[in-house]
Amino acid sequence: MSRRGLSFVGASVSVDFNEKEFFQYFNSLSDKAYKEMAKRCKTYAVSHINSHTGNLALSVRVKKSKFPNGGYICIADGGNGRKGHHAFLVEYGTEGPRKPLTKPYMKFEIDGKVIRAKVVAKMPAKPFMRPARDRVVEELKAEIAASR
């Protein structure tokens, strides 16, 4: 059959859209982006830590969120057998003076030495996680603006 004499007035194409497959694909892409942002956050957080032993820096890690479609998070909690349970004290500081609640002394280990104290003074906040998060957010905003 010859094409001569035929005219195409209009044509349409339709495709089925599988929402489940699309969202699985989209979530896999966003998971990669979340993981990359969390890794950046970890790098910046560790660079803000002024540490005596390195335990706090070792406690900063990237972890998959426990929530469905929650992406990844950057966390400093001394988890996975790491020392660094004092991360929140460094990030937010403490009120002082602090005194032991149940024993006559508080006991700390610093640089392998056991130290006992009846009173511990106030410790100012030395944030390292929040500045890291803020830096990642600002970088992401700049990357989005540059891609427009």
C-alpha atoms as a PDB file:
ATOM      1  CA  MET A   1       0.000   0.000   0.000  1.00  0.00           C
ATOM      2  CA  SER A   2       1.297   3.377  -1.017  1.00  0.00           C
ATOM      3  CA  ARG A   3       1.455   6.339   1.373  1.00  0.00           C
ATOM      4  CA  ARG A   4       0.436   8.717  -1.374  1.00  0.00           C
ATOM      5  CA  GLY A   5      -2.900  10.244  -0.897  1.00  0.00           C
ATOM      6  CA  LEU A   6      -2.971   9.532   2.846  1.00  0.00           C
ATOM      7  CA  SER A   7      -3.046  12.443   5.218  1.00  0.00           C
ATOM      8  CA  PHE A   8      -2.580  12.240   8.964  1.00  0.00           C
ATOM      9  CA  VAL A   9      -4.876  14.652  10.680  1.00  0.00           C
ATOM     10  CA  GLY A  10      -3.782  13.765  14.169  1.00  0.00           C
ATOM     11  CA  ALA A  11      -2.113  11.043  16.098  1.00  0.00           C
ATOM     12  CA  SER A  12      -2.041  10.138  19.714  1.00  0.00           C
ATOM     13  CA  VAL A  13      -0.010   7.781  21.760  1.00  0.00           C
ATOM     14  CA  SER A  14      -1.011   6.477  25.118  1.00  0.00           C
ATOM     15  CA  VAL A  15       1.033   4.506  27.588  1.00  0.00           C
ATOM     16  CA  ASP A  16       0.079   2.816  30.776  1.00  0.00           C
ATOM     17  CA  PHE A  17       1.681   4.322  33.833  1.00  0.00           C
ATOM     18  CA  ASN A  18       2.481   1.914  36.623  1.00  0.00           C
ATOM     19  CA  GLU A  19       2.505   4.102  39.744  1.00  0.00           C
ATOM     20  CA  LYS A  20       4.031   1.428  41.964  1.00  0.00           C
ATOM     21  CA  GLU A  21       7.027   0.963  39.643  1.00  0.00           C
ATOM     22  CA  PHE A  22       7.455   4.729  39.299  1.00  0.00           C
ATOM     23  CA  PHE A  23       7.485   5.331  43.039  1.00  0.00           C
ATOM     24  CA  GLN A  24       9.882   2.435  43.622  1.00  0.00           C
ATOM     25  CA  TYR A  25      12.218   3.934  41.025  1.00  0.00           C
ATOM     26  CA  PHE A  26      11.810   7.454  42.432  1.00  0.00           C
ATOM     27  CA  ASN A  27      12.443   6.233  45.983  1.00  0.00           C
ATOM     28  CA  SER A  28      15.606   4.443  44.862  1.00  0.00           C
ATOM     29  CA  LEU A  29      16.843   7.704  43.313  1.00  0.00           C
ATOM     30  CA  SER A  30      15.906   9.751  46.367  1.00  0.00           C
ATOM     31  CA  ASP A  31      17.517   7.137  48.645  1.00  0.00           C
ATOM     32  CA  LYS A  32      20.789   7.698  46.810  1.00  0.00           C
ATOM     33  CA  ALA A  33      20.408  11.462  47.227  1.00  0.00           C
ATOM     34  CA  TYR A  34      19.554  11.142  50.931  1.00  0.00           C
ATOM     35  CA  LYS A  35      22.554   8.890  51.490  1.00  0.00           C
ATOM     36  CA  GLU A  36      24.842  11.353  49.710  1.00  0.00           C
ATOM     37  CA  MET A  37      23.512  14.248  51.813  1.00  0.00           C
ATOM     38  CA  ALA A  38      23.974  12.217  55.011  1.00  0.00           C
ATOM     39  CA  LYS A  39      27.565  11.391  53.999  1.00  0.00           C
ATOM     40  CA  ARG A  40      28.273  15.083  53.415  1.00  0.00           C
ATOM     41  CA  CYS A  41      26.748  15.872  56.797  1.00  0.00           C
ATOM     42  CA  LYS A  42      29.015  13.291  58.459  1.00  0.00           C
ATOM     43  CA  THR A  43      32.111  14.767  56.801  1.00  0.00           C
ATOM     44  CA  TYR A  44      31.252  18.292  57.936  1.00  0.00           C
ATOM     45  CA  ALA A  45      30.227  17.192  61.440  1.00  0.00           C
ATOM     46  CA  VAL A  46      33.485  15.335  62.012  1.00  0.00           C
ATOM     47  CA  SER A  47      35.454  18.355  60.790  1.00  0.00           C
ATOM     48  CA  HIS A  48      33.759  20.519  63.475  1.00  0.00           C
ATOM     49  CA  ILE A  49      34.716  18.240  66.372  1.00  0.00           C
ATOM     50  CA  ASN A  50      37.592  19.271  68.614  1.00  0.00           C
ATOM     51  CA  SER A  51      38.267  15.976  70.326  1.00  0.00           C
ATOM     52  CA  HIS A  52      40.733  14.649  72.871  1.00  0.00           C
ATOM     53  CA  THR A  53      40.254  10.947  72.170  1.00  0.00           C
ATOM     54  CA  GLY A  54      38.510  10.806  68.792  1.00  0.00           C
ATOM     55  CA  ASN A  55      35.614   8.801  70.249  1.00  0.00           C
ATOM     56  CA  LEU A  56      33.040  11.445  69.415  1.00  0.00           C
ATOM     57  CA  ALA A  57      34.189  11.655  65.785  1.00  0.00           C
ATOM     58  CA  LEU A  58      34.113   7.856  65.540  1.00  0.00           C
ATOM     59  CA  SER A  59      30.521   7.834  66.796  1.00  0.00           C
ATOM     60  CA  VAL A  60      29.262   9.945  63.851  1.00  0.00           C
ATOM     61  CA  ARG A  61      27.827   7.624  61.222  1.00  0.00           C
ATOM     62  CA  VAL A  62      25.359   7.397  58.356  1.00  0.00           C
ATOM     63  CA  LYS A  63      22.411   5.126  58.996  1.00  0.00           C
ATOM     64  CA  LYS A  64      19.284   4.129  57.094  1.00  0.00           C
ATOM     65  CA  SER A  65      16.204   5.603  58.752  1.00  0.00           C
ATOM     66  CA  LYS A  66      13.949   3.184  60.605  1.00  0.00           C
ATOM     67  CA  PHE A  67      10.898   4.829  59.031  1.00  0.00           C
ATOM     68  CA  PRO A  68       9.514   3.643  55.673  1.00  0.00           C
ATOM     69  CA  ASN A  69      10.784   5.894  52.876  1.00  0.00           C
ATOM     70  CA  GLY A  70      12.735   7.791  55.542  1.00  0.00           C
ATOM     71  CA  GLY A  71      15.968   7.897  53.603  1.00  0.00           C
ATOM     72  CA  TYR A  72      19.242   8.151  55.493  1.00  0.00           C
ATOM     73  CA  ILE A  73      20.288  10.060  58.577  1.00  0.00           C
ATOM     74  CA  CYS A  74      23.552  11.251  60.049  1.00  0.00           C
ATOM     75  CA  ILE A  75      23.717  10.314  63.715  1.00  0.00           C
ATOM     76  CA  ALA A  76      26.207  10.659  66.582  1.00  0.00           C
ATOM     77  CA  ASP A  77      25.121   8.408  69.407  1.00  0.00           C
ATOM     78  CA  GLY A  78      27.897   6.038  70.355  1.00  0.00           C
ATOM     79  CA  GLY A  79      25.930   3.197  68.801  1.00  0.00           C
ATOM     80  CA  ASN A  80      27.350   0.027  67.286  1.00  0.00           C
ATOM     81  CA  GLY A  81      29.712  -0.445  70.225  1.00  0.00           C
ATOM     82  CA  ARG A  82      31.386   2.916  69.706  1.00  0.00           C
ATOM     83  CA  LYS A  83      32.202   5.328  72.471  1.00  0.00           C
ATOM     84  CA  GLY A  84      30.603   8.734  72.003  1.00  0.00           C
ATOM     85  CA  HIS A  85      27.472   8.598  74.118  1.00  0.00           C
ATOM     86  CA  HIS A  86      28.242  12.170  75.192  1.00  0.00           C
ATOM     87  CA  ALA A  87      27.437  13.602  71.746  1.00  0.00           C
ATOM     88  CA  PHE A  88      24.283  15.366  72.947  1.00  0.00           C
ATOM     89  CA  LEU A  89      26.205  16.960  75.831  1.00  0.00           C
ATOM     90  CA  VAL A  90      28.743  18.419  73.413  1.00  0.00           C
ATOM     91  CA  GLU A  91      26.094  19.494  70.866  1.00  0.00           C
ATOM     92  CA  TYR A  92      23.775  21.234  73.337  1.00  0.00           C
ATOM     93  CA  GLY A  93      26.056  21.895  76.334  1.00  0.00           C
ATOM     94  CA  THR A  94      25.099  21.335  79.954  1.00  0.00           C
ATOM     95  CA  GLU A  95      23.746  23.369  82.789  1.00  0.00           C
ATOM     96  CA  GLY A  96      25.894  23.544  85.850  1.00  0.00           C
ATOM     97  CA  PRO A  97      26.894  22.778  88.373  1.00  0.00           C
ATOM     98  CA  ARG A  98      26.099  19.078  87.997  1.00  0.00           C
ATOM     99  CA  LYS A  99      26.278  16.824  91.012  1.00  0.00           C
ATOM    100  CA  PRO A 100      26.033  13.038  91.320  1.00  0.00           C
ATOM    101  CA  LEU A 101      22.514  11.788  91.995  1.00  0.00           C
ATOM    102  CA  THR A 102      23.111   8.467  93.736  1.00  0.00           C
ATOM    103  CA  LYS A 103      26.827   8.247  94.590  1.00  0.00           C
ATOM    104  CA  PRO A 104      29.232  10.597  96.326  1.00  0.00           C
ATOM    105  CA  TYR A 105      31.313  11.038  93.136  1.00  0.00           C
ATOM    106  CA  MET A 106      30.837  11.093  89.392  1.00  0.00           C
ATOM    107  CA  LYS A 107      33.400   9.004  87.537  1.00  0.00           C
ATOM    108  CA  PHE A 108      34.822   9.800  84.107  1.00  0.00           C
ATOM    109  CA  GLU A 109      37.526   8.273  81.965  1.00  0.00           C
ATOM    110  CA  ILE A 110      39.587  10.778  80.019  1.00  0.00           C
ATOM    111  CA  ASP A 111      42.661   9.730  78.038  1.00  0.00           C
ATOM    112  CA  GLY A 112      42.743   6.425  79.914  1.00  0.00           C
ATOM    113  CA  LYS A 113      42.716   8.100  83.328  1.00  0.00           C
ATOM    114  CA  VAL A 114      39.809   7.673  85.737  1.00  0.00           C
ATOM    115  CA  ILE A 115      38.711  10.984  87.194  1.00  0.00           C
ATOM    116  CA  ARG A 116      36.290  11.410  90.088  1.00  0.00           C
ATOM    117  CA  ALA A 117      34.446  14.641  90.793  1.00  0.00           C
ATOM    118  CA  LYS A 118      31.871  15.792  93.325  1.00  0.00           C
ATOM    119  CA  VAL A 119      30.782  18.666  91.078  1.00  0.00           C
ATOM    120  CA  VAL A 120      31.132  19.333  87.350  1.00  0.00           C
ATOM    121  CA  ALA A 121      30.843  22.883  86.051  1.00  0.00           C
ATOM    122  CA  LYS A 122      28.589  24.055  83.236  1.00  0.00           C
ATOM    123  CA  MET A 123      29.817  23.122  79.761  1.00  0.00           C
ATOM    124  CA  PRO A 124      28.994  25.460  76.870  1.00  0.00           C
ATOM    125  CA  ALA A 125      27.446  24.015  73.737  1.00  0.00           C
ATOM    126  CA  LYS A 126      29.861  23.158  70.929  1.00  0.00           C
ATOM    127  CA  PRO A 127      27.499  22.253  68.094  1.00  0.00           C
ATOM    128  CA  PHE A 128      28.862  20.062  65.333  1.00  0.00           C
ATOM    129  CA  MET A 129      25.787  18.276  63.919  1.00  0.00           C
ATOM    130  CA  ARG A 130      23.526  21.302  63.397  1.00  0.00           C
ATOM    131  CA  PRO A 131      26.165  23.375  61.548  1.00  0.00           C
ATOM    132  CA  ALA A 132      26.869  20.342  59.356  1.00  0.00           C
ATOM    133  CA  ARG A 133      23.164  19.952  58.559  1.00  0.00           C
ATOM    134  CA  ASP A 134      22.835  23.673  57.817  1.00  0.00           C
ATOM    135  CA  ARG A 135      25.817  23.563  55.467  1.00  0.00           C
ATOM    136  CA  VAL A 136      24.379  20.606  53.539  1.00  0.00           C
ATOM    137  CA  VAL A 137      21.004  22.362  53.231  1.00  0.00           C
ATOM    138  CA  GLU A 138      22.645  25.546  51.921  1.00  0.00           C
ATOM    139  CA  GLU A 139      24.717  23.561  49.413  1.00  0.00           C
ATOM    140  CA  LEU A 140      21.605  21.723  48.243  1.00  0.00           C
ATOM    141  CA  LYS A 141      19.735  25.016  47.773  1.00  0.00           C
ATOM    142  CA  ALA A 142      22.643  26.377  45.733  1.00  0.00           C
ATOM    143  CA  GLU A 143      22.796  23.211  43.596  1.00  0.00           C
ATOM    144  CA  ILE A 144      19.058  23.406  42.898  1.00  0.00           C
ATOM    145  CA  ALA A 145      19.276  27.104  42.044  1.00  0.00           C
ATOM    146  CA  ALA A 146      22.222  26.474  39.706  1.00  0.00           C
ATOM    147  CA  SER A 147      20.353  23.726  37.843  1.00  0.00           C
ATOM    148  CA  ARG A 148      17.425  25.969  36.919  1.00  0.00           C
END
